[in-house]
N, C-alpha and C. Protein backbone atom coordinates (compact mmCIF):
# COMPACT_ATOMS: atom_id res chain seq x y z
N MET A 1 0.85 -1.17 0.00
CA MET A 1 0.00 0.00 0.00
C MET A 1 0.90 1.23 0.00
N ILE A 2 0.49 2.24 -0.72
CA ILE A 2 1.26 3.49 -0.78
C ILE A 2 0.35 4.65 -0.41
N ASN A 3 0.86 5.55 0.42
CA ASN A 3 0.17 6.79 0.79
C ASN A 3 1.13 7.95 0.64
N HIS A 4 0.58 9.14 0.54
CA HIS A 4 1.39 10.36 0.45
C HIS A 4 0.91 11.39 1.45
N LYS A 5 1.82 12.27 1.87
CA LYS A 5 1.48 13.35 2.79
C LYS A 5 2.33 14.57 2.46
N LEU A 6 1.69 15.74 2.39
CA LEU A 6 2.39 17.00 2.17
C LEU A 6 2.75 17.59 3.53
N VAL A 7 4.01 17.98 3.71
CA VAL A 7 4.47 18.58 4.95
C VAL A 7 4.14 20.07 4.91
N LEU A 8 3.26 20.49 5.83
CA LEU A 8 2.78 21.87 5.90
C LEU A 8 3.36 22.60 7.11
N PRO A 9 3.23 23.93 7.16
CA PRO A 9 3.81 24.69 8.28
C PRO A 9 3.39 24.20 9.66
N GLY A 10 2.15 23.76 9.82
CA GLY A 10 1.68 23.27 11.11
C GLY A 10 2.30 21.97 11.56
N HIS A 11 3.04 21.31 10.68
CA HIS A 11 3.70 20.04 11.01
C HIS A 11 5.13 20.24 11.52
N LEU A 12 5.61 21.48 11.51
CA LEU A 12 7.03 21.76 11.79
C LEU A 12 7.30 22.00 13.27
N ASN A 13 8.55 21.73 13.67
CA ASN A 13 8.98 22.02 15.03
C ASN A 13 9.55 23.44 15.09
N GLN A 14 10.08 23.81 16.24
CA GLN A 14 10.59 25.16 16.45
C GLN A 14 11.81 25.49 15.59
N TYR A 15 12.42 24.48 14.95
CA TYR A 15 13.58 24.71 14.10
C TYR A 15 13.23 24.75 12.61
N GLY A 16 11.95 24.56 12.30
CA GLY A 16 11.51 24.62 10.92
C GLY A 16 11.55 23.29 10.18
N TYR A 17 11.70 22.20 10.91
CA TYR A 17 11.71 20.87 10.29
C TYR A 17 10.51 20.08 10.81
N LEU A 18 10.16 19.02 10.10
CA LEU A 18 9.03 18.18 10.50
C LEU A 18 9.21 17.69 11.93
N PHE A 19 8.19 17.88 12.75
CA PHE A 19 8.18 17.36 14.11
C PHE A 19 8.08 15.84 14.03
N GLY A 20 9.00 15.15 14.70
CA GLY A 20 9.06 13.68 14.63
C GLY A 20 7.78 13.00 15.05
N GLY A 21 7.08 13.59 16.01
CA GLY A 21 5.82 13.00 16.46
C GLY A 21 4.77 12.93 15.37
N ASN A 22 4.77 13.92 14.47
CA ASN A 22 3.83 13.88 13.34
C ASN A 22 4.15 12.72 12.42
N LEU A 23 5.43 12.51 12.14
CA LEU A 23 5.81 11.39 11.28
C LEU A 23 5.40 10.07 11.91
N LEU A 24 5.63 9.91 13.21
CA LEU A 24 5.26 8.66 13.88
C LEU A 24 3.75 8.44 13.84
N LYS A 25 2.99 9.51 14.00
CA LYS A 25 1.52 9.41 13.92
C LYS A 25 1.10 8.91 12.54
N TRP A 26 1.69 9.49 11.48
CA TRP A 26 1.31 9.09 10.13
C TRP A 26 1.73 7.65 9.84
N VAL A 27 2.91 7.24 10.30
CA VAL A 27 3.37 5.86 10.12
C VAL A 27 2.37 4.90 10.77
N ASP A 28 1.99 5.18 12.00
CA ASP A 28 1.05 4.33 12.73
C ASP A 28 -0.31 4.31 12.03
N GLU A 29 -0.79 5.47 11.63
CA GLU A 29 -2.10 5.57 10.98
C GLU A 29 -2.13 4.81 9.65
N TYR A 30 -1.13 5.01 8.81
CA TYR A 30 -1.14 4.36 7.50
C TYR A 30 -0.96 2.85 7.61
N ALA A 31 -0.14 2.39 8.56
CA ALA A 31 0.01 0.95 8.77
C ALA A 31 -1.30 0.36 9.29
N TRP A 32 -1.99 1.09 10.20
CA TRP A 32 -3.28 0.63 10.71
C TRP A 32 -4.30 0.51 9.57
N ILE A 33 -4.31 1.48 8.66
CA ILE A 33 -5.22 1.42 7.52
C ILE A 33 -4.94 0.18 6.69
N ALA A 34 -3.66 -0.11 6.44
CA ALA A 34 -3.30 -1.31 5.66
C ALA A 34 -3.82 -2.57 6.35
N ALA A 35 -3.63 -2.66 7.67
CA ALA A 35 -4.10 -3.84 8.41
C ALA A 35 -5.62 -3.96 8.35
N THR A 36 -6.31 -2.85 8.53
CA THR A 36 -7.76 -2.85 8.52
C THR A 36 -8.32 -3.24 7.17
N LEU A 37 -7.68 -2.82 6.10
CA LEU A 37 -8.12 -3.20 4.76
C LEU A 37 -7.85 -4.66 4.46
N GLU A 38 -6.75 -5.20 5.00
CA GLU A 38 -6.40 -6.61 4.75
C GLU A 38 -7.20 -7.58 5.62
N TYR A 39 -7.70 -7.10 6.75
CA TYR A 39 -8.46 -7.94 7.67
C TYR A 39 -9.79 -7.25 7.98
N PRO A 40 -10.71 -7.25 7.04
CA PRO A 40 -11.99 -6.56 7.26
C PRO A 40 -12.70 -7.06 8.51
N GLY A 41 -13.24 -6.12 9.27
CA GLY A 41 -13.99 -6.46 10.47
C GLY A 41 -13.14 -6.67 11.71
N ALA A 42 -11.81 -6.70 11.56
CA ALA A 42 -10.93 -6.90 12.71
C ALA A 42 -10.65 -5.56 13.39
N ASN A 43 -10.53 -5.59 14.71
CA ASN A 43 -10.17 -4.41 15.49
C ASN A 43 -8.71 -4.55 15.91
N PHE A 44 -7.88 -3.58 15.54
CA PHE A 44 -6.46 -3.62 15.83
C PHE A 44 -6.03 -2.49 16.74
N VAL A 45 -5.05 -2.79 17.60
CA VAL A 45 -4.36 -1.78 18.38
C VAL A 45 -2.86 -1.94 18.14
N THR A 46 -2.15 -0.84 18.19
CA THR A 46 -0.69 -0.87 18.02
C THR A 46 -0.06 -1.33 19.32
N ILE A 47 0.86 -2.31 19.21
CA ILE A 47 1.57 -2.74 20.42
C ILE A 47 3.07 -2.48 20.34
N ALA A 48 3.60 -2.20 19.13
CA ALA A 48 5.04 -1.97 19.04
C ALA A 48 5.41 -1.25 17.75
N MET A 49 6.48 -0.50 17.84
CA MET A 49 7.16 0.08 16.69
C MET A 49 8.63 -0.25 16.94
N ASP A 50 9.25 -1.03 16.06
CA ASP A 50 10.52 -1.64 16.42
C ASP A 50 11.71 -0.69 16.54
N ARG A 51 11.77 0.34 15.74
CA ARG A 51 12.93 1.23 15.79
C ARG A 51 12.50 2.61 15.33
N VAL A 52 12.96 3.61 16.05
CA VAL A 52 12.66 4.98 15.68
C VAL A 52 13.98 5.71 15.51
N GLU A 53 14.36 5.90 14.25
CA GLU A 53 15.59 6.62 13.91
C GLU A 53 15.29 7.48 12.69
N PHE A 54 15.34 8.78 12.90
CA PHE A 54 15.09 9.71 11.81
C PHE A 54 16.39 9.88 11.02
N LYS A 55 16.38 9.48 9.75
CA LYS A 55 17.61 9.45 8.96
C LYS A 55 17.96 10.80 8.35
N LYS A 56 16.97 11.62 8.07
CA LYS A 56 17.18 12.93 7.44
C LYS A 56 16.15 13.92 7.98
N SER A 57 16.52 15.20 7.99
CA SER A 57 15.55 16.25 8.33
C SER A 57 14.59 16.41 7.16
N ILE A 58 13.35 16.76 7.49
CA ILE A 58 12.32 16.91 6.46
C ILE A 58 11.81 18.34 6.52
N GLN A 59 11.84 19.02 5.39
CA GLN A 59 11.46 20.42 5.32
C GLN A 59 10.02 20.61 4.87
N GLU A 60 9.49 21.80 5.17
CA GLU A 60 8.17 22.18 4.69
C GLU A 60 8.12 22.06 3.18
N GLY A 61 7.00 21.59 2.67
CA GLY A 61 6.81 21.46 1.23
C GLY A 61 7.25 20.12 0.68
N SER A 62 7.89 19.29 1.51
CA SER A 62 8.27 17.95 1.05
C SER A 62 7.00 17.11 0.92
N VAL A 63 6.99 16.25 -0.08
CA VAL A 63 5.91 15.27 -0.23
C VAL A 63 6.48 13.94 0.23
N LEU A 64 5.86 13.38 1.27
CA LEU A 64 6.32 12.10 1.80
C LEU A 64 5.56 10.96 1.15
N ARG A 65 6.30 9.91 0.80
CA ARG A 65 5.69 8.69 0.25
C ARG A 65 5.89 7.58 1.27
N PHE A 66 4.80 6.97 1.69
CA PHE A 66 4.82 5.90 2.67
C PHE A 66 4.55 4.59 1.95
N GLU A 67 5.48 3.64 2.04
CA GLU A 67 5.28 2.29 1.50
C GLU A 67 5.02 1.37 2.68
N ILE A 68 3.88 0.69 2.65
CA ILE A 68 3.49 -0.18 3.76
C ILE A 68 3.29 -1.59 3.23
N ASN A 69 4.03 -2.55 3.81
CA ASN A 69 3.94 -3.94 3.36
C ASN A 69 3.87 -4.87 4.56
N ARG A 70 2.94 -5.83 4.51
CA ARG A 70 2.86 -6.82 5.58
C ARG A 70 4.14 -7.64 5.58
N SER A 71 4.76 -7.80 6.75
CA SER A 71 6.02 -8.54 6.82
C SER A 71 5.91 -9.82 7.63
N HIS A 72 4.89 -9.92 8.49
CA HIS A 72 4.73 -11.14 9.30
C HIS A 72 3.30 -11.22 9.82
N GLU A 73 2.79 -12.44 9.85
CA GLU A 73 1.47 -12.68 10.44
C GLU A 73 1.62 -13.76 11.49
N GLY A 74 1.18 -13.46 12.70
CA GLY A 74 1.17 -14.43 13.78
C GLY A 74 -0.24 -14.92 14.03
N ARG A 75 -0.47 -15.51 15.20
CA ARG A 75 -1.80 -16.02 15.53
C ARG A 75 -2.77 -14.88 15.84
N THR A 76 -2.30 -13.88 16.63
CA THR A 76 -3.17 -12.76 17.00
C THR A 76 -2.61 -11.41 16.56
N SER A 77 -1.41 -11.42 15.99
CA SER A 77 -0.77 -10.15 15.62
C SER A 77 -0.29 -10.16 14.18
N VAL A 78 -0.06 -8.96 13.68
CA VAL A 78 0.44 -8.80 12.31
C VAL A 78 1.41 -7.63 12.31
N GLN A 79 2.47 -7.75 11.50
CA GLN A 79 3.48 -6.70 11.41
C GLN A 79 3.52 -6.13 10.00
N TYR A 80 3.77 -4.82 9.94
CA TYR A 80 3.91 -4.12 8.67
C TYR A 80 5.21 -3.33 8.65
N GLY A 81 5.97 -3.52 7.60
CA GLY A 81 7.14 -2.69 7.38
C GLY A 81 6.70 -1.39 6.73
N VAL A 82 7.18 -0.27 7.27
CA VAL A 82 6.83 1.04 6.73
C VAL A 82 8.13 1.76 6.36
N THR A 83 8.21 2.17 5.11
CA THR A 83 9.37 2.92 4.62
C THR A 83 8.87 4.26 4.12
N VAL A 84 9.56 5.33 4.52
CA VAL A 84 9.13 6.68 4.17
C VAL A 84 10.22 7.37 3.35
N PHE A 85 9.80 7.94 2.24
CA PHE A 85 10.70 8.69 1.36
C PHE A 85 10.20 10.12 1.26
N ALA A 86 11.13 11.06 1.19
CA ALA A 86 10.78 12.47 1.01
C ALA A 86 11.13 12.88 -0.41
N ASN A 87 10.17 13.50 -1.09
CA ASN A 87 10.39 14.03 -2.43
C ASN A 87 10.53 15.54 -2.29
N HIS A 88 11.66 16.05 -2.70
CA HIS A 88 11.91 17.48 -2.64
C HIS A 88 11.46 18.10 -3.95
N LEU A 89 10.40 18.85 -3.90
CA LEU A 89 9.77 19.37 -5.11
C LEU A 89 10.68 20.28 -5.92
N GLN A 90 11.59 21.00 -5.25
CA GLN A 90 12.47 21.91 -5.98
C GLN A 90 13.43 21.15 -6.90
N THR A 91 13.91 20.00 -6.44
CA THR A 91 14.89 19.24 -7.22
C THR A 91 14.32 18.00 -7.87
N GLY A 92 13.16 17.53 -7.37
CA GLY A 92 12.58 16.30 -7.90
C GLY A 92 13.25 15.05 -7.35
N SER A 93 14.23 15.23 -6.47
CA SER A 93 14.92 14.06 -5.91
C SER A 93 14.12 13.46 -4.76
N GLU A 94 14.36 12.19 -4.50
CA GLU A 94 13.68 11.48 -3.44
C GLU A 94 14.72 10.76 -2.60
N GLU A 95 14.53 10.77 -1.27
CA GLU A 95 15.48 10.08 -0.40
C GLU A 95 14.76 9.40 0.75
N LEU A 96 15.35 8.29 1.20
CA LEU A 96 14.84 7.55 2.35
C LEU A 96 15.02 8.41 3.59
N VAL A 97 13.93 8.59 4.37
CA VAL A 97 14.02 9.40 5.59
C VAL A 97 13.67 8.61 6.85
N PHE A 98 12.97 7.47 6.71
CA PHE A 98 12.55 6.74 7.90
C PHE A 98 12.08 5.34 7.50
N SER A 99 12.32 4.37 8.39
CA SER A 99 11.74 3.04 8.20
C SER A 99 11.60 2.37 9.55
N THR A 100 10.57 1.55 9.68
CA THR A 100 10.30 0.83 10.92
C THR A 100 9.36 -0.33 10.63
N THR A 101 9.12 -1.12 11.65
CA THR A 101 8.11 -2.17 11.60
C THR A 101 7.10 -1.89 12.71
N VAL A 102 5.82 -1.88 12.34
CA VAL A 102 4.74 -1.64 13.30
C VAL A 102 4.01 -2.96 13.53
N THR A 103 3.77 -3.28 14.81
CA THR A 103 3.06 -4.51 15.17
C THR A 103 1.70 -4.16 15.76
N PHE A 104 0.69 -4.83 15.23
CA PHE A 104 -0.69 -4.68 15.72
C PHE A 104 -1.16 -6.01 16.28
N VAL A 105 -2.03 -5.94 17.27
CA VAL A 105 -2.69 -7.14 17.77
C VAL A 105 -4.19 -6.95 17.56
N ARG A 106 -4.84 -8.06 17.20
CA ARG A 106 -6.29 -8.02 17.03
C ARG A 106 -6.93 -8.22 18.39
N ILE A 107 -7.93 -7.39 18.69
CA ILE A 107 -8.64 -7.52 19.96
C ILE A 107 -10.14 -7.69 19.73
N ASP A 108 -10.78 -8.29 20.73
CA ASP A 108 -12.24 -8.44 20.69
C ASP A 108 -12.89 -7.25 21.39
N GLN A 109 -14.20 -7.31 21.56
CA GLN A 109 -14.95 -6.20 22.17
C GLN A 109 -14.54 -5.93 23.61
N ALA A 110 -14.00 -6.93 24.28
CA ALA A 110 -13.57 -6.80 25.68
C ALA A 110 -12.11 -6.34 25.79
N GLY A 111 -11.46 -6.14 24.63
CA GLY A 111 -10.07 -5.70 24.64
C GLY A 111 -9.07 -6.83 24.80
N GLN A 112 -9.51 -8.07 24.62
CA GLN A 112 -8.64 -9.24 24.74
C GLN A 112 -8.13 -9.66 23.37
N LYS A 113 -6.92 -10.22 23.35
CA LYS A 113 -6.38 -10.73 22.10
C LYS A 113 -7.30 -11.79 21.52
N THR A 114 -7.42 -11.78 20.20
CA THR A 114 -8.24 -12.77 19.52
C THR A 114 -7.54 -13.16 18.22
N PRO A 115 -7.73 -14.38 17.74
CA PRO A 115 -7.05 -14.82 16.51
C PRO A 115 -7.40 -13.95 15.30
N LEU A 116 -6.40 -13.81 14.43
CA LEU A 116 -6.61 -13.04 13.20
C LEU A 116 -7.64 -13.67 12.28
N ARG A 117 -7.58 -14.96 12.15
CA ARG A 117 -8.44 -15.67 11.19
C ARG A 117 -9.60 -16.35 11.89
């Protein structure tokens, strides 16, 4: 699954670069959407994000491309690899800025783990 996001002034920190918390929110949200589309009717909660390392600063006006791919399926959980690239509109170049694996667990109405299938 691929998603895009435009970095706007409200997304920036006090130094004029993308606030890391916004990127983490989008990573979690887009991975959750992928899981929800692949497992219709399932309720998922995030239980882990394996590594948080920002590889490059991201400036206002960058268009981010999020690539989300299922990497593992367990009995009650599923993992998605998320890779984020920044496209700099002035130059047309694209570079890797972030990657991680997000783990979701399926829960029932009582908030207990339940099998995926």
